Every structure is written in C-alpha cells, then in structure tokens.
Amino acid sequence: MAVRIIVGAQWGDEGKGKVVDLLSKKANYVVRYQGGANAGHTLKFDDREVVLHLIPSGIFNGDATCIIGNGVVVDPRALLEEIGNVEKMGVNLDDKLLISESAHVILPYHRILDQVKEKSRGDDAIGTTGRGIGPAYVSKVSRVGIRMSDLHHPELFREKVEKNLADINQALVNVYNEPRIDPEEMFDSLKPCLARIQNFICNTTARLHDAIDNGEQILMEGAQGTLLDLDHGTYPYVTSSSPTAGGACTGSGIPPTAVSHVMGITKAYCTRVGNGPFPTELTDETGEKFRKHGAEFGATTGRPRRCGWLDLVALKYAVKLNGINEIAFTKLDVLDHFDTIEVCTEYDIEGEKTDTFPVSSQQLNTVKPVYQTLQGWRGTTRDIDRFKDLPGPAKEYIEFVEDFIGVPFKIISTGPKRTETILRY
C-alpha cells in the first residue's frame, strides 16, 4: 500500500468501516474524503461496537493520523459528540485527528433546509437523512459556504453567516411557511463546538503531500457507494458528493498518479437505503430473510434496508468506473442460510439482454434481472479464517463472482468482528 482508496461498490453500507479498521494498522494516515454525518461506519472489536460518522474508521487500530478531508462537510455538533465518545474509549484525539481547513461546515440552517425541502417533495422525496448534507454542498457550490478556516476569524465568520441567514430566513418564512432562525441562538449553540474543534484544523493537503514524498502509507476512506455518486449514480436518488475513486483525489488533494490500489467493497448480496431504482430488490420472505440475518438497518437512521440478490451488472460497472483492482467481499456468512443463491448476470430491457448498466433511473426502473442459480452450502462460514476451509459451494460462489468481474478478492468477511476475516494477500 502506498495510497489505497477504499470505495463502496454498491449503494453504500457495504462494510467499509470494518475494512478500513482492519487495514489501518499498517497505515500512517487514514483520510475520509467525502460525505458527512449521513454515513455510519460500524466497527466491532474487543466485544465493543462503535459507529463513526465523521472520524475516520482507522482511529482505533494502529497509530495512523486520521484526517477529515476537504471534501467532507462537517457538522460541528455531531463531530463534538463523536469526539467525546471516542475519547471515552481512551483515544487521545489531540495527537491523532486533523481537519482540513478547506472542509465546509454544516450549520443548523442546513439541517432545517434539508428537512423542510424533503418534506415539501411529498411522494417525490429522495430519502435523505435530513442532516443537512445536501444543502451544505449547495452552499459550497454556490460559493457562500463556510469553511473550517473561517472559524479562526470570528468576525468574518459571523458576517458570512448573518448574510446567509438573511436569504435563508426569507425562504423559510415566505416559501416553506416555517419560523425564521434566530442568529444569536444559533451562534450560542455553536460556541462550545467551535472552540473545541479549532485546534484540529490545518492544511491537511500539504501534510499528505509530504507523506507521499516520504513514502508513507495512506488509506482513503469513502462514504456511501458508487451507485450513489452525484454524477455516475442513479440520479436524482443519489448523495451530494462523489464517493467514487475520483472523488478521493478531489476530496483530499492527493493526485491520481499517487494512487496504487483501489479496493472496492461489496456485500455478497445487495442492499439500498432510501428511494430509487434497485433491480434485484426482493420484497418477499427472501428479502426479509436477508434483513433478519444481515441485521440490515441503517447505522445512521435505523431505517430498514431494502435487500436483494447480488447484482453483477452493477458491480462490474462500479469496477470499471473506479478502476477497482482488488475486492473486499463482506457478509458472506449471511448466505449461510440459503439452499440456493441467485446472482444477476444480465438485464432484460424490453426483451433485449444486456450486461451494460444504464445510469438513467427511468430506464433502470424498467429492467428485469436475469439470474443464474448457484448452490448454497447451508453450513456456517463464521470464524473461518482460511479460504481453503470454506464450504465447497461458498468457494465456488466467490470464484464465480471473481471470474465474472475480473478482479481478485483480497479480503473475505465472514462476520462483523475484526477477527472474522479471511485475508488473501
């Protein structure tokens, strides 16, 4: 590993947190490069379960410096709560956490706008978490956003926020019929958060460039997944940033030429949270079986995830889009409960077969998945740490997927814990 990007190869929730935690032991830096507190990365180790939303998942394993990159939008109150939870576990973040001075700040008005806009969409709601992520990115692109560097200049910070609030209050009152936001109440609620996080802020891009020059090991952590990418996902049912490998470079300042590995994370089946097309979705007892045995409920919202069979058309698209050259295959153990396993290898679009993934949500809604049936194994894969010890049909399933997408599986996860992992390096 020189620079390795960890990217979700589905609709998010693939198990990126576990993989980043596992690999971070040998990293000098772990960098979160996009998204915000709408992502939840669950870690299980030492009989503990921890959900991180902003702090990189490498914070507990090894001595890596963890960076919240410039592509992340940061809610100070959510970050302060998370810092407190991590420090209670004995981690001194003063020596381990940095925040990019170019990262944008989520303010209370972003959360309010997110919720009222989603409410106003009615049946056309996108399914956001309501945490202000989208509106914060809108502020960024509109060039009225607040950056972390602004927190070092209180008067300028106040001036910018008050100017934004003048426009936002007009919209809240006159368009959405909502109460206006009181600036002083907002500033008072933010004071303890801003005072605590200021010492973490620095020029992280320069720090990473020095690390590259020194041959240090950098692990890049994405949130959400490829099929939720703003440009290349199932628009408009997408996130507000770029979870793809390209987003890792823009969200950190690391040049593409420094990247040596792109690891895609995929479950042994598919899930999705929120609205939008999902070709292999199962709304029957089988889908409920996935949800039960996979504990498929959102780490951030608690919402039940939609579940379905593995979609190799979508996965192959993610491989090409990201330049994925290695795979981590997660939740293999959930398939322990099935006699047969279906795998989508083609789409049927109005009677014509294709293995090309259509990025148009309208077209994707019309496809019919074409499945190939494989044998299940009905035996436990939990606690197995060598590939050769897996049940024969489980090995055949893995080899089938490897051959189809043309990428080797380097990590196979057989349970949520750090120790429940097969390494093939």
Protein backbone atom coordinates (compact mmCIF):
# COMPACT_ATOMS: atom_id res chain seq x y z
CA MET A 1 0.00 0.00 0.00
CA ALA A 2 1.23 3.45 -0.93
CA VAL A 3 -2.13 5.18 -1.44
CA ARG A 4 -5.09 2.79 -1.27
CA ILE A 5 -8.65 4.01 -1.85
CA ILE A 6 -11.48 2.14 -0.13
CA VAL A 7 -14.66 2.68 -2.13
CA GLY A 8 -18.16 1.30 -1.79
CA ALA A 9 -19.04 -0.68 -4.93
CA GLN A 10 -22.81 -0.76 -4.36
CA TRP A 11 -25.35 1.62 -2.78
CA GLY A 12 -23.39 2.06 0.44
CA ASP A 13 -23.48 0.02 3.67
CA GLU A 14 -21.02 -2.50 2.21
CA GLY A 15 -18.83 -2.78 5.31
CA LYS A 16 -16.21 -0.13 4.55
CA GLY A 17 -15.73 0.68 8.23
CA LYS A 18 -14.62 -2.84 9.10
CA VAL A 19 -12.20 -3.00 6.16
CA VAL A 20 -10.67 0.42 6.90
CA ASP A 21 -10.30 -0.51 10.56
CA LEU A 22 -8.60 -3.76 9.56
CA LEU A 23 -6.15 -2.17 7.10
CA SER A 24 -5.39 0.93 9.15
CA LYS A 25 -2.96 -0.93 11.40
CA LYS A 26 -0.28 -0.58 8.71
CA ALA A 27 -1.24 2.93 7.59
CA ASN A 28 0.41 6.22 8.52
CA TYR A 29 -2.67 8.24 7.52
CA VAL A 30 -6.36 7.40 7.18
CA VAL A 31 -8.32 10.03 5.26
CA ARG A 32 -12.10 10.42 5.00
CA TYR A 33 -12.62 12.17 1.66
CA GLN A 34 -16.33 13.00 1.19
CA GLY A 35 -19.82 12.93 2.67
CA GLY A 36 -20.80 13.94 6.16
CA ALA A 37 -22.59 12.60 9.22
CA ASN A 38 -25.13 10.91 6.94
CA ALA A 39 -22.72 7.95 6.79
CA GLY A 40 -22.36 5.44 9.59
CA HIS A 41 -19.38 3.09 9.69
CA THR A 42 -19.78 0.30 12.25
CA LEU A 43 -16.73 -1.26 13.92
CA LYS A 44 -16.74 -4.36 16.15
CA PHE A 45 -13.67 -5.30 18.19
CA ASP A 46 -12.84 -6.34 21.76
CA ASP A 47 -16.55 -7.06 22.34
CA ARG A 48 -17.34 -3.42 21.56
CA GLU A 49 -19.49 -1.92 18.81
CA VAL A 50 -18.75 1.62 17.68
CA VAL A 51 -20.47 3.65 14.96
CA LEU A 52 -18.42 6.50 13.46
CA HIS A 53 -19.97 9.19 11.28
CA LEU A 54 -17.15 11.68 10.66
CA ILE A 55 -13.96 10.47 12.34
CA PRO A 56 -12.14 8.02 10.02
CA SER A 57 -12.52 4.33 10.85
CA GLY A 58 -8.78 3.94 11.42
CA ILE A 59 -8.90 5.70 14.77
CA PHE A 60 -8.83 2.53 16.92
CA ASN A 61 -6.36 0.23 15.16
CA GLY A 62 -2.72 1.29 14.92
CA ASP A 63 -1.09 4.70 15.18
CA ALA A 64 -2.33 6.36 12.00
CA THR A 65 -3.13 10.05 11.92
CA CYS A 66 -6.79 10.40 10.94
CA ILE A 67 -7.79 13.23 8.60
CA ILE A 68 -11.21 14.65 7.79
CA GLY A 69 -10.51 15.85 4.25
CA ASN A 70 -11.57 18.92 2.33
CA GLY A 71 -14.33 17.01 0.52
CA VAL A 72 -16.22 16.32 3.77
CA VAL A 73 -18.97 18.58 5.13
CA VAL A 74 -18.71 18.71 8.92
CA ASP A 75 -21.47 19.29 11.44
CA PRO A 76 -19.58 20.73 14.47
CA ARG A 77 -22.14 19.49 16.97
CA ALA A 78 -22.13 15.95 15.55
CA LEU A 79 -18.33 15.97 15.49
CA LEU A 80 -18.09 17.20 19.08
CA GLU A 81 -20.36 14.38 20.25
CA GLU A 82 -18.31 11.85 18.31
CA ILE A 83 -15.03 13.20 19.71
CA GLY A 84 -16.42 12.80 23.21
CA ASN A 85 -17.48 9.20 22.55
CA VAL A 86 -14.09 8.25 21.09
CA GLU A 87 -12.16 9.91 23.92
CA LYS A 88 -14.23 7.98 26.46
CA MET A 89 -12.75 4.87 24.89
CA GLY A 90 -9.26 6.04 25.79
CA VAL A 91 -8.12 7.56 22.48
CA ASN A 92 -6.28 10.90 22.69
CA LEU A 93 -7.50 12.70 19.58
CA ASP A 94 -5.26 15.72 20.10
CA ASP A 95 -2.45 13.64 18.63
CA LYS A 96 -4.45 11.66 16.09
CA LEU A 97 -7.11 13.81 14.40
CA LEU A 98 -6.77 16.59 11.81
CA ILE A 99 -9.46 18.52 9.92
CA SER A 100 -8.85 20.18 6.57
CA GLU A 101 -9.05 23.95 6.70
CA SER A 102 -10.92 23.72 3.37
CA ALA A 103 -13.66 21.38 4.63
CA HIS A 104 -17.08 23.03 4.72
CA VAL A 105 -19.17 23.48 7.84
CA ILE A 106 -22.73 22.23 8.22
CA LEU A 107 -24.66 24.84 10.18
CA PRO A 108 -28.10 24.46 11.82
CA TYR A 109 -29.77 26.19 8.88
CA HIS A 110 -28.52 23.44 6.55
CA ARG A 111 -30.29 20.80 8.63
CA ILE A 112 -33.52 22.79 8.70
CA LEU A 113 -33.42 23.39 4.94
CA ASP A 114 -32.77 19.71 4.30
CA GLN A 115 -35.78 18.65 6.33
CA VAL A 116 -38.26 21.23 5.03
CA LYS A 117 -37.26 20.64 1.39
CA GLU A 118 -37.61 16.88 1.76
CA LYS A 119 -40.99 17.38 3.40
CA SER A 120 -42.13 19.64 0.57
CA ARG A 121 -41.27 16.99 -2.06
CA GLY A 122 -44.01 14.71 -0.75
CA ASP A 123 -44.19 11.49 -2.76
CA ASP A 124 -41.11 12.57 -4.74
CA ALA A 125 -38.88 12.63 -1.64
CA ILE A 126 -35.32 11.46 -2.27
CA GLY A 127 -34.92 9.78 1.12
CA THR A 128 -32.21 11.95 2.65
CA THR A 129 -31.14 11.57 6.27
CA GLY A 130 -32.17 15.16 6.98
CA ARG A 131 -28.73 16.02 8.38
CA GLY A 132 -28.02 19.00 6.15
CA ILE A 133 -25.55 17.31 3.83
CA GLY A 134 -27.15 18.34 0.53
CA PRO A 135 -27.77 21.99 1.47
CA ALA A 136 -24.17 22.28 2.76
CA TYR A 137 -22.85 21.14 -0.61
CA VAL A 138 -25.27 23.57 -2.30
CA SER A 139 -23.74 26.39 -0.23
CA LYS A 140 -20.28 25.19 -1.24
CA VAL A 141 -21.06 25.15 -4.96
CA SER A 142 -22.90 28.48 -4.68
CA ARG A 143 -19.74 29.93 -3.10
CA VAL A 144 -21.50 31.07 0.06
CA GLY A 145 -20.28 28.17 2.19
CA ILE A 146 -18.44 28.46 5.50
CA ARG A 147 -15.05 26.74 5.58
CA MET A 148 -13.20 25.46 8.61
CA SER A 149 -10.59 28.18 8.08
CA ASP A 150 -13.33 30.78 8.72
CA LEU A 151 -13.59 29.58 12.32
CA HIS A 152 -10.20 31.18 13.03
CA HIS A 153 -11.71 34.58 12.16
CA PRO A 154 -14.78 35.07 14.39
CA GLU A 155 -15.87 38.42 12.97
CA LEU A 156 -15.65 37.22 9.37
CA PHE A 157 -17.43 34.01 10.34
CA ARG A 158 -20.31 35.92 11.94
CA GLU A 159 -20.56 38.30 8.98
CA LYS A 160 -20.79 35.45 6.45
CA VAL A 161 -23.34 33.50 8.48
CA GLU A 162 -25.58 36.54 9.04
CA LYS A 163 -25.51 37.31 5.32
CA ASN A 164 -26.55 33.74 4.52
CA LEU A 165 -29.26 33.75 7.16
CA ALA A 166 -30.88 36.85 5.70
CA ASP A 167 -31.62 34.94 2.48
CA ILE A 168 -32.43 31.65 4.21
CA ASN A 169 -34.95 33.22 6.60
CA GLN A 170 -36.72 34.81 3.65
CA ALA A 171 -37.14 31.38 2.07
CA LEU A 172 -38.15 29.67 5.32
CA VAL A 173 -40.89 32.20 6.10
CA ASN A 174 -42.19 33.05 2.61
CA VAL A 175 -41.71 29.78 0.71
CA TYR A 176 -41.89 26.98 3.27
CA ASN A 177 -44.08 28.68 5.91
CA GLU A 178 -41.54 27.83 8.61
CA PRO A 179 -40.29 30.01 11.50
CA ARG A 180 -37.18 32.12 10.98
CA ILE A 181 -33.87 31.19 12.58
CA ASP A 182 -32.59 33.46 15.34
CA PRO A 183 -28.91 34.22 14.62
CA GLU A 184 -27.93 34.78 18.26
CA GLU A 185 -29.46 31.49 19.41
CA MET A 186 -27.60 29.72 16.63
CA PHE A 187 -24.25 31.32 17.50
CA ASP A 188 -24.71 30.49 21.19
CA SER A 189 -25.41 26.83 20.42
CA LEU A 190 -22.28 26.60 18.27
CA LYS A 191 -19.76 28.25 20.63
CA PRO A 192 -18.64 25.16 22.61
CA CYS A 193 -18.37 23.07 19.43
CA LEU A 194 -16.31 25.59 17.50
CA ALA A 195 -13.96 26.26 20.40
CA ARG A 196 -13.20 22.54 20.75
CA ILE A 197 -12.54 21.70 17.10
CA GLN A 198 -10.42 24.74 16.14
CA ASN A 199 -7.19 23.10 17.30
CA PHE A 200 -7.66 20.21 14.86
CA ILE A 201 -7.82 22.46 11.78
CA CYS A 202 -4.80 22.69 9.47
CA ASN A 203 -3.59 22.42 5.87
CA THR A 204 -4.08 18.68 5.51
CA THR A 205 -3.34 18.64 1.77
CA ALA A 206 0.23 19.84 2.39
CA ARG A 207 0.57 17.23 5.14
CA LEU A 208 -0.48 14.47 2.74
CA HIS A 209 1.85 15.69 0.01
CA ASP A 210 4.74 15.45 2.48
CA ALA A 211 3.60 11.94 3.41
CA ILE A 212 3.66 10.88 -0.24
CA ASP A 213 7.13 12.36 -0.71
CA ASN A 214 8.29 10.40 2.34
CA GLY A 215 6.84 7.11 1.10
CA GLU A 216 4.30 6.86 3.90
CA GLN A 217 1.19 4.68 3.71
CA ILE A 218 -2.14 6.43 3.12
CA LEU A 219 -5.58 4.83 3.33
CA MET A 220 -8.50 6.75 1.80
CA GLU A 221 -11.97 6.10 3.23
CA GLY A 222 -15.12 6.86 1.25
CA ALA A 223 -18.69 7.06 2.49
CA GLN A 224 -21.85 5.82 0.74
CA GLY A 225 -21.22 3.92 -2.51
CA THR A 226 -20.53 4.17 -6.24
CA LEU A 227 -24.17 3.87 -7.27
CA LEU A 228 -24.98 6.91 -5.12
CA ASP A 229 -22.37 9.09 -6.85
CA LEU A 230 -23.75 12.50 -7.81
CA ASP A 231 -22.64 12.17 -11.45
CA HIS A 232 -22.46 8.43 -12.06
CA GLY A 233 -25.13 7.05 -9.74
CA THR A 234 -28.89 6.59 -10.01
CA TYR A 235 -29.64 10.32 -10.23
CA PRO A 236 -31.58 12.01 -8.64
CA TYR A 237 -31.65 9.30 -5.96
CA VAL A 238 -28.01 9.88 -5.07
CA THR A 239 -25.87 11.55 -2.46
CA SER A 240 -24.50 15.09 -2.82
CA SER A 241 -20.84 14.20 -3.37
CA SER A 242 -18.60 11.76 -5.25
CA PRO A 243 -17.97 8.51 -3.33
CA THR A 244 -16.01 7.15 -6.31
CA ALA A 245 -12.22 6.86 -6.58
CA GLY A 246 -12.09 10.16 -8.46
CA GLY A 247 -13.79 11.82 -5.50
CA ALA A 248 -10.99 10.58 -3.26
CA CYS A 249 -8.50 12.75 -5.11
CA THR A 250 -10.62 15.90 -5.19
CA GLY A 251 -11.72 15.34 -1.60
CA SER A 252 -8.18 15.12 -0.23
CA GLY A 253 -5.81 16.90 -2.61
CA ILE A 254 -3.93 13.67 -3.39
CA PRO A 255 -3.04 13.41 -7.11
CA PRO A 256 -4.35 10.42 -9.11
CA THR A 257 -0.79 9.41 -10.01
CA ALA A 258 -0.08 8.67 -6.33
CA VAL A 259 -2.85 6.05 -6.09
CA SER A 260 -1.62 2.46 -6.24
CA HIS A 261 -4.68 0.44 -5.17
CA VAL A 262 -8.44 0.91 -5.42
CA MET A 263 -10.28 -1.60 -3.25
CA GLY A 264 -13.98 -1.99 -3.91
CA ILE A 265 -16.16 -3.21 -1.05
CA THR A 266 -19.20 -5.30 -1.95
CA LYS A 267 -21.58 -7.40 0.07
CA ALA A 268 -22.31 -10.96 -1.00
CA TYR A 269 -25.79 -9.61 -1.80
CA CYS A 270 -27.23 -6.10 -2.32
CA THR A 271 -28.93 -3.53 -0.11
CA ARG A 272 -30.14 0.01 -0.54
CA VAL A 273 -31.49 2.67 1.83
CA GLY A 274 -33.87 5.36 0.63
CA ASN A 275 -35.71 5.70 -2.64
CA GLY A 276 -34.53 4.95 -6.15
CA PRO A 277 -34.20 2.02 -8.56
CA PHE A 278 -32.97 -1.35 -7.27
CA PRO A 279 -33.19 -4.08 -9.96
CA THR A 280 -32.66 -7.13 -7.72
CA GLU A 281 -34.78 -5.95 -4.78
CA LEU A 282 -36.77 -8.67 -3.02
CA THR A 283 -39.94 -7.60 -1.25
CA ASP A 284 -40.92 -11.13 -0.24
CA GLU A 285 -39.85 -13.52 2.53
CA THR A 286 -36.40 -13.90 0.99
CA GLY A 287 -35.79 -10.16 1.27
CA GLU A 288 -36.91 -10.26 4.88
CA LYS A 289 -34.57 -13.19 5.48
CA PHE A 290 -31.63 -11.09 4.26
CA ARG A 291 -32.71 -8.24 6.54
CA LYS A 292 -33.00 -10.53 9.56
CA HIS A 293 -29.74 -12.44 9.21
CA GLY A 294 -27.75 -9.45 7.94
CA ALA A 295 -29.12 -7.02 10.58
CA GLU A 296 -29.90 -4.69 7.70
CA PHE A 297 -30.88 -1.49 9.44
CA GLY A 298 -29.15 1.85 8.83
CA ALA A 299 -26.35 2.70 11.27
CA THR A 300 -27.24 6.39 10.99
CA THR A 301 -31.03 6.40 10.68
CA GLY A 302 -32.09 2.95 11.85
CA ARG A 303 -34.20 2.61 8.71
CA PRO A 304 -34.67 -0.96 7.40
CA ARG A 305 -32.57 -1.52 4.29
CA ARG A 306 -34.05 -2.83 1.07
CA CYS A 307 -32.44 -6.19 0.23
CA GLY A 308 -31.84 -8.30 -2.87
CA TRP A 309 -29.54 -10.73 -4.64
CA LEU A 310 -26.06 -9.72 -5.80
CA ASP A 311 -26.17 -7.62 -8.99
CA LEU A 312 -23.07 -8.34 -11.09
CA VAL A 313 -24.09 -5.92 -13.85
CA ALA A 314 -23.97 -3.06 -11.34
CA LEU A 315 -20.82 -4.41 -9.69
CA LYS A 316 -18.94 -4.64 -12.99
CA TYR A 317 -19.96 -1.03 -13.71
CA ALA A 318 -18.51 0.02 -10.35
CA VAL A 319 -15.27 -1.85 -11.11
CA LYS A 320 -14.81 -0.02 -14.40
CA LEU A 321 -15.85 3.38 -13.06
CA ASN A 322 -13.43 3.30 -10.13
CA GLY A 323 -10.58 1.33 -11.66
CA ILE A 324 -11.02 -1.24 -8.89
CA ASN A 325 -8.11 -3.70 -8.82
CA GLU A 326 -8.98 -5.60 -5.64
CA ILE A 327 -12.19 -6.54 -3.84
CA ALA A 328 -13.27 -6.99 -0.24
CA PHE A 329 -16.27 -9.32 -0.13
CA THR A 330 -18.36 -8.83 3.00
CA LYS A 331 -21.23 -10.58 4.81
CA LEU A 332 -20.57 -13.97 3.22
CA ASP A 333 -21.96 -15.51 6.40
CA VAL A 334 -25.46 -14.15 5.68
CA LEU A 335 -25.67 -16.58 2.75
CA ASP A 336 -25.16 -19.49 5.16
CA HIS A 337 -28.96 -19.59 5.49
CA PHE A 338 -29.87 -20.22 1.82
CA ASP A 339 -30.23 -23.54 -0.05
CA THR A 340 -29.69 -21.85 -3.42
CA ILE A 341 -28.24 -18.47 -4.35
CA GLU A 342 -29.33 -16.27 -7.23
CA VAL A 343 -26.87 -13.95 -8.99
CA CYS A 344 -27.93 -11.31 -11.53
CA THR A 345 -25.68 -11.57 -14.60
CA GLU A 346 -27.73 -9.63 -17.17
CA TYR A 347 -30.62 -7.21 -17.50
CA ASP A 348 -33.62 -7.72 -19.75
CA ILE A 349 -34.71 -4.37 -21.18
CA GLU A 350 -37.88 -4.70 -23.26
CA GLY A 351 -36.93 -8.19 -24.42
CA GLU A 352 -33.26 -7.44 -25.13
CA LYS A 353 -30.48 -8.78 -22.91
CA THR A 354 -27.62 -6.53 -21.85
CA ASP A 355 -24.76 -6.53 -19.36
CA THR A 356 -24.41 -2.73 -19.52
CA PHE A 357 -25.58 -0.78 -16.50
CA PRO A 358 -27.96 2.07 -17.50
CA VAL A 359 -27.35 5.13 -15.34
CA SER A 360 -30.75 6.56 -16.24
CA SER A 361 -33.03 5.92 -13.28
CA GLN A 362 -36.04 5.84 -15.59
CA GLN A 363 -34.52 3.04 -17.67
CA LEU A 364 -33.14 1.21 -14.64
CA ASN A 365 -36.63 1.09 -13.18
CA THR A 366 -37.80 -0.93 -16.18
CA VAL A 367 -35.10 -3.62 -16.26
CA LYS A 368 -35.75 -7.21 -15.31
CA PRO A 369 -32.81 -9.03 -13.73
CA VAL A 370 -31.66 -12.26 -15.39
CA TYR A 371 -30.40 -14.68 -12.74
CA GLN A 372 -28.03 -17.60 -12.61
CA THR A 373 -28.70 -20.09 -9.81
CA LEU A 374 -25.81 -21.39 -7.72
CA GLN A 375 -25.76 -23.99 -4.97
CA GLY A 376 -25.94 -22.84 -1.36
CA TRP A 377 -23.97 -24.50 1.40
CA ARG A 378 -26.17 -24.48 4.49
CA GLY A 379 -23.15 -24.57 6.77
CA THR A 380 -21.55 -21.86 8.85
CA THR A 381 -18.72 -19.73 7.49
CA ARG A 382 -18.35 -17.81 10.75
CA ASP A 383 -14.91 -17.89 12.39
CA ILE A 384 -13.27 -19.39 9.28
CA ASP A 385 -10.02 -17.54 8.57
CA ARG A 386 -8.62 -19.57 5.65
CA PHE A 387 -10.15 -19.70 2.17
CA LYS A 388 -9.46 -23.42 1.78
CA ASP A 389 -11.59 -24.15 4.86
CA LEU A 390 -14.77 -22.60 3.42
CA PRO A 391 -17.56 -24.94 2.29
CA GLY A 392 -17.10 -26.03 -1.33
CA PRO A 393 -20.15 -24.15 -2.70
CA ALA A 394 -19.04 -20.96 -0.89
CA LYS A 395 -15.66 -21.13 -2.63
CA GLU A 396 -17.42 -21.78 -5.95
CA TYR A 397 -19.67 -18.74 -5.39
CA ILE A 398 -16.69 -16.50 -4.68
CA GLU A 399 -14.75 -17.83 -7.70
CA PHE A 400 -17.80 -17.32 -9.94
CA VAL A 401 -18.05 -13.65 -8.96
CA GLU A 402 -14.27 -13.15 -9.28
CA ASP A 403 -14.29 -14.58 -12.78
CA PHE A 404 -17.29 -12.51 -13.83
CA ILE A 405 -15.89 -9.13 -12.78
CA GLY A 406 -12.22 -9.98 -13.41
CA VAL A 407 -10.93 -8.70 -10.06
CA PRO A 408 -9.34 -10.78 -7.26
CA PHE A 409 -10.91 -10.96 -3.80
CA LYS A 410 -8.24 -9.96 -1.29
CA ILE A 411 -10.48 -9.83 1.79
CA ILE A 412 -13.47 -12.03 2.61
CA SER A 413 -15.51 -11.08 5.66
CA THR A 414 -17.36 -13.87 7.46
CA GLY A 415 -18.79 -11.77 10.30
CA PRO A 416 -18.85 -8.24 11.70
CA LYS A 417 -15.84 -8.56 14.01
CA ARG A 418 -12.30 -7.59 13.06
CA THR A 419 -11.19 -11.18 13.63
CA GLU A 420 -13.86 -12.72 11.36
CA THR A 421 -11.87 -12.16 8.20
CA ILE A 422 -10.07 -14.17 5.53
CA LEU A 423 -7.01 -12.38 4.12
CA ARG A 424 -5.70 -13.46 0.71
CA TYR A 425 -2.55 -11.33 0.43
